[in-house]
């Protein structure tokens, strides 16, 4: 029994070390501290060029943030508008069934049973039509989402330009 004891101890040690390694990998990393300045909220970096104090910089950033909001009518802290609803198409199954029935009837007539061929063709056509309809609806939804995202990005860019112009006029470099 003595040779089994080191083996069991080794196995336990392997399991415990594996568990500890996994626990360390899944531990959340510390998030970088956000300075919370108005410029940082819109993703800009502001550097004083005329030896302004940090208090003066904070006051100037707040004033420019408010000015940019007033001039553009944009509030970057507001949640983005919901995506536009895409026009969903309907009737893909019926259209597919009609086309499939016609094709199936022609093939069935050659085989000797047009009715059976039409039924099979209608079923296959309906499935294909629904699939195409789903695909088209999904593409329309993705396009609407991309358009909404693009519009939001344009609004944020407009706000950044207004903020940058203001803060630049007060003697700061902004990137």
C-alpha atoms as a PDB file:
ATOM      1  CA  UNK A   1       0.000   0.000   0.000  1.00  0.00           C
ATOM      2  CA  UNK A   2       2.908   2.322   0.453  1.00  0.00           C
ATOM      3  CA  UNK A   3       3.511   2.870  -3.330  1.00  0.00           C
ATOM      4  CA  UNK A   4      -0.112   3.968  -3.778  1.00  0.00           C
ATOM      5  CA  UNK A   5       0.111   6.716  -1.188  1.00  0.00           C
ATOM      6  CA  UNK A   6       2.616   8.921  -3.122  1.00  0.00           C
ATOM      7  CA  UNK A   7       0.597   8.354  -6.297  1.00  0.00           C
ATOM      8  CA  UNK A   8      -2.637   9.465  -4.608  1.00  0.00           C
ATOM      9  CA  UNK A   9      -0.861  12.443  -3.064  1.00  0.00           C
ATOM     10  CA  UNK A  10       0.552  13.425  -6.454  1.00  0.00           C
ATOM     11  CA  UNK A  11      -2.867  13.199  -8.085  1.00  0.00           C
ATOM     12  CA  UNK A  12      -4.427  15.363  -5.389  1.00  0.00           C
ATOM     13  CA  UNK A  13      -1.649  17.906  -5.793  1.00  0.00           C
ATOM     14  CA  UNK A  14      -2.186  18.018  -9.572  1.00  0.00           C
ATOM     15  CA  UNK A  15      -5.937  18.574  -9.166  1.00  0.00           C
ATOM     16  CA  UNK A  16      -5.504  21.308  -6.557  1.00  0.00           C
ATOM     17  CA  UNK A  17      -2.859  23.140  -8.589  1.00  0.00           C
ATOM     18  CA  UNK A  18      -5.052  22.907 -11.706  1.00  0.00           C
ATOM     19  CA  UNK A  19      -7.991  24.307  -9.773  1.00  0.00           C
ATOM     20  CA  UNK A  20      -5.921  27.189  -8.413  1.00  0.00           C
ATOM     21  CA  UNK A  21      -4.550  27.997 -11.873  1.00  0.00           C
ATOM     22  CA  UNK A  22      -8.072  28.078 -13.317  1.00  0.00           C
ATOM     23  CA  UNK A  23      -9.300  30.271 -10.475  1.00  0.00           C
ATOM     24  CA  UNK A  24      -6.514  32.767 -11.097  1.00  0.00           C
ATOM     25  CA  UNK A  25      -7.301  32.941 -14.813  1.00  0.00           C
ATOM     26  CA  UNK A  26     -10.996  33.622 -14.258  1.00  0.00           C
ATOM     27  CA  UNK A  27     -10.474  36.298 -11.621  1.00  0.00           C
ATOM     28  CA  UNK A  28     -11.628  39.676 -12.973  1.00  0.00           C
ATOM     29  CA  UNK A  29      -8.850  42.084 -13.819  1.00  0.00           C
ATOM     30  CA  UNK A  30      -8.888  45.469 -12.195  1.00  0.00           C
ATOM     31  CA  UNK A  31     -10.555  47.989 -14.466  1.00  0.00           C
ATOM     32  CA  UNK A  32      -8.506  51.037 -15.369  1.00  0.00           C
ATOM     33  CA  UNK A  33      -9.543  54.077 -13.416  1.00  0.00           C
ATOM     34  CA  UNK A  34     -11.603  56.540 -15.466  1.00  0.00           C
ATOM     35  CA  UNK A  35     -10.744  60.118 -14.679  1.00  0.00           C
ATOM     36  CA  UNK A  36     -14.345  61.103 -15.355  1.00  0.00           C
ATOM     37  CA  UNK A  37     -13.391  64.389 -17.000  1.00  0.00           C
ATOM     38  CA  UNK A  38     -15.752  65.708 -19.665  1.00  0.00           C
ATOM     39  CA  UNK A  39     -13.093  65.136 -22.336  1.00  0.00           C
ATOM     40  CA  UNK A  40     -12.513  61.549 -21.219  1.00  0.00           C
ATOM     41  CA  UNK A  41     -16.264  60.857 -21.403  1.00  0.00           C
ATOM     42  CA  UNK A  42     -16.195  61.520 -25.151  1.00  0.00           C
ATOM     43  CA  UNK A  43     -12.819  59.858 -25.747  1.00  0.00           C
ATOM     44  CA  UNK A  44     -10.622  62.939 -26.068  1.00  0.00           C
ATOM     45  CA  UNK A  45      -7.306  63.793 -24.465  1.00  0.00           C
ATOM     46  CA  UNK A  46      -6.734  67.398 -23.407  1.00  0.00           C
ATOM     47  CA  UNK A  47      -3.321  68.844 -22.517  1.00  0.00           C
ATOM     48  CA  UNK A  48      -2.730  72.364 -21.203  1.00  0.00           C
ATOM     49  CA  UNK A  49      -0.378  74.481 -23.340  1.00  0.00           C
ATOM     50  CA  UNK A  50      -0.356  77.642 -21.237  1.00  0.00           C
ATOM     51  CA  UNK A  51       0.431  76.115 -17.841  1.00  0.00           C
ATOM     52  CA  UNK A  52      -3.205  75.986 -16.744  1.00  0.00           C
ATOM     53  CA  UNK A  53      -3.819  74.331 -13.393  1.00  0.00           C
ATOM     54  CA  UNK A  54      -5.803  71.100 -13.168  1.00  0.00           C
ATOM     55  CA  UNK A  55      -8.648  73.060 -11.543  1.00  0.00           C
ATOM     56  CA  UNK A  56      -8.667  75.542 -14.424  1.00  0.00           C
ATOM     57  CA  UNK A  57      -8.586  72.692 -16.931  1.00  0.00           C
ATOM     58  CA  UNK A  58     -11.538  70.985 -15.247  1.00  0.00           C
ATOM     59  CA  UNK A  59     -13.523  74.251 -15.314  1.00  0.00           C
ATOM     60  CA  UNK A  60     -12.645  74.867 -18.979  1.00  0.00           C
ATOM     61  CA  UNK A  61     -13.576  71.309 -19.971  1.00  0.00           C
ATOM     62  CA  UNK A  62     -16.927  71.589 -18.181  1.00  0.00           C
ATOM     63  CA  UNK A  63     -17.660  74.916 -19.849  1.00  0.00           C
ATOM     64  CA  UNK A  64     -16.759  73.561 -23.287  1.00  0.00           C
ATOM     65  CA  UNK A  65     -18.783  70.401 -22.719  1.00  0.00           C
ATOM     66  CA  UNK A  66     -21.848  72.497 -21.879  1.00  0.00           C
ATOM     67  CA  UNK A  67     -21.187  74.795 -24.835  1.00  0.00           C
ATOM     68  CA  UNK A  68     -20.884  71.871 -27.234  1.00  0.00           C
ATOM     69  CA  UNK A  69     -24.148  70.419 -25.911  1.00  0.00           C
ATOM     70  CA  UNK A  70     -25.919  73.724 -26.430  1.00  0.00           C
ATOM     71  CA  UNK A  71     -24.508  74.330 -29.911  1.00  0.00           C
ATOM     72  CA  UNK A  72     -25.073  70.835 -31.271  1.00  0.00           C
ATOM     73  CA  UNK A  73     -28.122  69.752 -29.303  1.00  0.00           C
ATOM     74  CA  UNK A  74     -26.322  66.468 -28.646  1.00  0.00           C
ATOM     75  CA  UNK A  75     -25.980  64.847 -25.240  1.00  0.00           C
ATOM     76  CA  UNK A  76     -23.267  62.187 -25.502  1.00  0.00           C
ATOM     77  CA  UNK A  77     -24.254  60.792 -22.090  1.00  0.00           C
ATOM     78  CA  UNK A  78     -27.769  59.998 -23.333  1.00  0.00           C
ATOM     79  CA  UNK A  79     -28.389  56.407 -24.433  1.00  0.00           C
ATOM     80  CA  UNK A  80     -28.461  55.905 -28.191  1.00  0.00           C
ATOM     81  CA  UNK A  81     -31.873  55.750 -29.831  1.00  0.00           C
ATOM     82  CA  UNK A  82     -33.268  52.269 -30.431  1.00  0.00           C
ATOM     83  CA  UNK A  83     -32.465  50.842 -33.853  1.00  0.00           C
ATOM     84  CA  UNK A  84     -34.982  51.493 -36.571  1.00  0.00           C
ATOM     85  CA  UNK A  85     -37.338  48.648 -37.318  1.00  0.00           C
ATOM     86  CA  UNK A  86     -36.528  47.016 -40.615  1.00  0.00           C
ATOM     87  CA  UNK A  87     -39.332  46.392 -43.072  1.00  0.00           C
ATOM     88  CA  UNK A  88     -39.979  42.682 -42.713  1.00  0.00           C
ATOM     89  CA  UNK A  89     -41.201  40.952 -45.809  1.00  0.00           C
ATOM     90  CA  UNK A  90     -44.046  38.457 -45.690  1.00  0.00           C
ATOM     91  CA  UNK A  91     -45.456  35.845 -47.991  1.00  0.00           C
ATOM     92  CA  UNK A  92     -42.196  34.137 -48.902  1.00  0.00           C
ATOM     93  CA  UNK A  93     -43.665  30.714 -48.173  1.00  0.00           C
ATOM     94  CA  UNK A  94     -46.726  31.250 -50.383  1.00  0.00           C
ATOM     95  CA  UNK A  95     -44.686  32.648 -53.272  1.00  0.00           C
ATOM     96  CA  UNK A  96     -42.232  29.783 -52.994  1.00  0.00           C
ATOM     97  CA  UNK A  97     -45.056  27.251 -52.836  1.00  0.00           C
ATOM     98  CA  UNK A  98     -46.640  28.618 -56.015  1.00  0.00           C
ATOM     99  CA  UNK A  99     -43.371  28.513 -57.909  1.00  0.00           C
ATOM    100  CA  UNK A 100     -42.529  25.077 -56.530  1.00  0.00           C
ATOM    101  CA  UNK A 101     -45.963  23.706 -57.425  1.00  0.00           C
ATOM    102  CA  UNK A 102     -45.613  24.846 -61.022  1.00  0.00           C
ATOM    103  CA  UNK A 103     -42.176  23.287 -61.330  1.00  0.00           C
ATOM    104  CA  UNK A 104     -43.286  20.134 -59.524  1.00  0.00           C
ATOM    105  CA  UNK A 105     -46.330  19.763 -61.777  1.00  0.00           C
ATOM    106  CA  UNK A 106     -44.154  19.944 -64.865  1.00  0.00           C
ATOM    107  CA  UNK A 107     -41.749  17.346 -63.508  1.00  0.00           C
ATOM    108  CA  UNK A 108     -44.650  15.214 -62.255  1.00  0.00           C
ATOM    109  CA  UNK A 109     -46.311  15.330 -65.688  1.00  0.00           C
ATOM    110  CA  UNK A 110     -43.178  13.867 -67.202  1.00  0.00           C
ATOM    111  CA  UNK A 111     -43.108  11.152 -64.526  1.00  0.00           C
ATOM    112  CA  UNK A 112     -46.813  10.422 -64.965  1.00  0.00           C
ATOM    113  CA  UNK A 113     -48.396  12.068 -61.863  1.00  0.00           C
ATOM    114  CA  UNK A 114     -48.647  15.863 -62.135  1.00  0.00           C
ATOM    115  CA  UNK A 115     -50.658  16.219 -58.889  1.00  0.00           C
ATOM    116  CA  UNK A 116     -48.102  14.429 -56.771  1.00  0.00           C
ATOM    117  CA  UNK A 117     -45.276  16.380 -58.394  1.00  0.00           C
ATOM    118  CA  UNK A 118     -47.098  19.652 -57.731  1.00  0.00           C
ATOM    119  CA  UNK A 119     -47.583  18.776 -54.055  1.00  0.00           C
ATOM    120  CA  UNK A 120     -43.930  17.881 -53.589  1.00  0.00           C
ATOM    121  CA  UNK A 121     -42.838  20.986 -55.496  1.00  0.00           C
ATOM    122  CA  UNK A 122     -45.132  23.209 -53.423  1.00  0.00           C
ATOM    123  CA  UNK A 123     -43.709  21.878 -50.172  1.00  0.00           C
ATOM    124  CA  UNK A 124     -40.121  22.301 -51.296  1.00  0.00           C
ATOM    125  CA  UNK A 125     -40.891  25.746 -52.723  1.00  0.00           C
ATOM    126  CA  UNK A 126     -42.550  26.892 -49.502  1.00  0.00           C
ATOM    127  CA  UNK A 127     -39.538  25.848 -47.435  1.00  0.00           C
ATOM    128  CA  UNK A 128     -37.173  27.581 -49.825  1.00  0.00           C
ATOM    129  CA  UNK A 129     -39.353  30.711 -49.906  1.00  0.00           C
ATOM    130  CA  UNK A 130     -39.461  30.940 -46.095  1.00  0.00           C
ATOM    131  CA  UNK A 131     -35.685  30.503 -45.924  1.00  0.00           C
ATOM    132  CA  UNK A 132     -35.112  33.284 -48.432  1.00  0.00           C
ATOM    133  CA  UNK A 133     -37.583  35.509 -46.595  1.00  0.00           C
ATOM    134  CA  UNK A 134     -35.813  34.955 -43.268  1.00  0.00           C
ATOM    135  CA  UNK A 135     -32.468  35.727 -44.875  1.00  0.00           C
ATOM    136  CA  UNK A 136     -33.799  38.924 -46.436  1.00  0.00           C
ATOM    137  CA  UNK A 137     -35.373  40.038 -43.150  1.00  0.00           C
ATOM    138  CA  UNK A 138     -32.139  39.382 -41.261  1.00  0.00           C
ATOM    139  CA  UNK A 139     -30.134  41.399 -43.791  1.00  0.00           C
ATOM    140  CA  UNK A 140     -32.602  44.286 -43.547  1.00  0.00           C
ATOM    141  CA  UNK A 141     -32.340  44.189 -39.745  1.00  0.00           C
ATOM    142  CA  UNK A 142     -28.534  44.255 -39.886  1.00  0.00           C
ATOM    143  CA  UNK A 143     -28.598  47.199 -42.291  1.00  0.00           C
ATOM    144  CA  UNK A 144     -30.942  49.117 -39.998  1.00  0.00           C
ATOM    145  CA  UNK A 145     -28.627  48.423 -37.029  1.00  0.00           C
ATOM    146  CA  UNK A 146     -25.580  49.581 -38.994  1.00  0.00           C
ATOM    147  CA  UNK A 147     -27.392  52.739 -40.063  1.00  0.00           C
ATOM    148  CA  UNK A 148     -28.353  53.530 -36.471  1.00  0.00           C
ATOM    149  CA  UNK A 149     -24.783  52.909 -35.287  1.00  0.00           C
ATOM    150  CA  UNK A 150     -23.427  55.121 -38.066  1.00  0.00           C
ATOM    151  CA  UNK A 151     -25.819  57.932 -37.189  1.00  0.00           C
ATOM    152  CA  UNK A 152     -24.849  57.732 -33.505  1.00  0.00           C
ATOM    153  CA  UNK A 153     -21.155  57.853 -34.436  1.00  0.00           C
ATOM    154  CA  UNK A 154     -21.757  60.922 -36.609  1.00  0.00           C
ATOM    155  CA  UNK A 155     -23.543  62.663 -33.745  1.00  0.00           C
ATOM    156  CA  UNK A 156     -20.665  61.894 -31.377  1.00  0.00           C
ATOM    157  CA  UNK A 157     -18.128  63.123 -33.950  1.00  0.00           C
ATOM    158  CA  UNK A 158     -20.075  66.378 -34.315  1.00  0.00           C
ATOM    159  CA  UNK A 159     -20.061  66.822 -30.539  1.00  0.00           C
ATOM    160  CA  UNK A 160     -16.314  66.112 -30.370  1.00  0.00           C
ATOM    161  CA  UNK A 161     -15.601  68.720 -33.053  1.00  0.00           C
ATOM    162  CA  UNK A 162     -17.589  71.352 -31.157  1.00  0.00           C
ATOM    163  CA  UNK A 163     -15.891  70.455 -27.866  1.00  0.00           C
ATOM    164  CA  UNK A 164     -12.436  70.415 -29.503  1.00  0.00           C
ATOM    165  CA  UNK A 165     -12.941  73.837 -31.090  1.00  0.00           C
ATOM    166  CA  UNK A 166     -13.955  75.329 -27.753  1.00  0.00           C
ATOM    167  CA  UNK A 167     -11.172  73.752 -25.690  1.00  0.00           C
ATOM    168  CA  UNK A 168      -8.604  74.638 -28.363  1.00  0.00           C
ATOM    169  CA  UNK A 169      -9.644  78.301 -28.161  1.00  0.00           C
ATOM    170  CA  UNK A 170      -8.873  78.225 -24.428  1.00  0.00           C
ATOM    171  CA  UNK A 171      -5.240  77.210 -24.991  1.00  0.00           C
ATOM    172  CA  UNK A 172      -5.300  73.411 -24.832  1.00  0.00           C
ATOM    173  CA  UNK A 173      -4.114  70.735 -27.194  1.00  0.00           C
ATOM    174  CA  UNK A 174      -6.781  68.131 -27.838  1.00  0.00           C
ATOM    175  CA  UNK A 175      -6.460  64.756 -29.547  1.00  0.00           C
END
